[in-house]
């Protein structure tokens, strides 16, 4: 089983990676440049290459002030 974790370099992603590593579970983390949910072609390319069994989305929009303006 391979787990794909989005939101690489974030706090939540790091916690998941630490847990999965201690359990010897194969996982791969991708950041926005490799797995941008606004770019379907990039996403599908990554999914075809990695063929994950599970995807854990830890990506988040952290600019709170800007989020409130939408």
Protein backbone atom coordinates (compact mmCIF):
# COMPACT_ATOMS: atom_id res chain seq x y z
CA UNK A 1 0.00 0.00 0.00
CA UNK A 2 1.28 3.46 -0.92
CA UNK A 3 -0.10 6.60 0.66
CA UNK A 4 0.03 9.98 -1.05
CA UNK A 5 0.03 13.00 1.24
CA UNK A 6 -0.66 16.45 -0.19
CA UNK A 7 0.52 19.66 1.42
CA UNK A 8 4.20 18.77 1.76
CA UNK A 9 6.16 20.85 4.26
CA UNK A 10 3.08 21.74 6.29
CA UNK A 11 2.74 20.88 9.98
CA UNK A 12 -0.05 18.35 9.48
CA UNK A 13 1.84 16.63 6.63
CA UNK A 14 4.95 16.35 8.79
CA UNK A 15 2.95 14.73 11.57
CA UNK A 16 1.43 12.18 9.18
CA UNK A 17 4.87 11.42 7.71
CA UNK A 18 6.37 10.88 11.14
CA UNK A 19 3.61 8.45 12.10
CA UNK A 20 3.77 6.56 8.80
CA UNK A 21 7.57 6.34 8.96
CA UNK A 22 7.50 4.84 12.47
CA UNK A 23 4.98 2.26 11.20
CA UNK A 24 7.14 1.48 8.12
CA UNK A 25 4.30 2.45 5.78
CA UNK A 26 5.31 3.55 2.30
CA UNK A 27 4.28 7.11 1.63
CA UNK A 28 5.05 10.02 -0.67
CA UNK A 29 4.47 13.70 0.00
CA UNK A 30 3.78 16.22 -2.74
CA UNK A 31 3.63 19.99 -2.59
CA UNK A 32 1.63 22.40 -4.72
CA UNK A 33 4.22 22.41 -7.52
CA UNK A 34 3.76 18.65 -7.98
CA UNK A 35 0.10 18.26 -7.04
CA UNK A 36 -1.86 21.44 -7.67
CA UNK A 37 -5.58 20.74 -7.35
CA UNK A 38 -6.28 23.58 -9.79
CA UNK A 39 -4.30 21.77 -12.52
CA UNK A 40 -6.07 18.52 -13.43
CA UNK A 41 -3.38 17.45 -15.90
CA UNK A 42 -0.64 17.79 -13.29
CA UNK A 43 -2.74 15.92 -10.72
CA UNK A 44 -3.54 13.06 -13.08
CA UNK A 45 0.09 12.78 -14.13
CA UNK A 46 1.19 12.47 -10.51
CA UNK A 47 -1.54 9.95 -9.74
CA UNK A 48 -0.66 7.80 -12.76
CA UNK A 49 2.99 7.81 -11.80
CA UNK A 50 2.56 7.10 -8.08
CA UNK A 51 -0.58 4.94 -8.19
CA UNK A 52 -1.42 5.56 -4.52
CA UNK A 53 -3.81 3.33 -2.62
CA UNK A 54 -4.84 6.21 -0.36
CA UNK A 55 -4.67 10.00 -0.63
CA UNK A 56 -4.53 12.13 2.51
CA UNK A 57 -5.10 15.82 1.80
CA UNK A 58 -3.33 17.99 4.36
CA UNK A 59 -3.02 21.04 2.10
CA UNK A 60 -4.52 24.20 3.51
CA UNK A 61 -4.99 27.84 2.61
CA UNK A 62 -3.28 29.70 5.42
CA UNK A 63 -3.79 33.35 4.46
CA UNK A 64 -6.71 33.91 6.80
CA UNK A 65 -7.15 37.61 6.09
CA UNK A 66 -7.32 37.03 2.34
CA UNK A 67 -9.68 34.08 2.76
CA UNK A 68 -12.18 36.34 4.48
CA UNK A 69 -12.22 38.74 1.53
CA UNK A 70 -13.67 36.20 -0.95
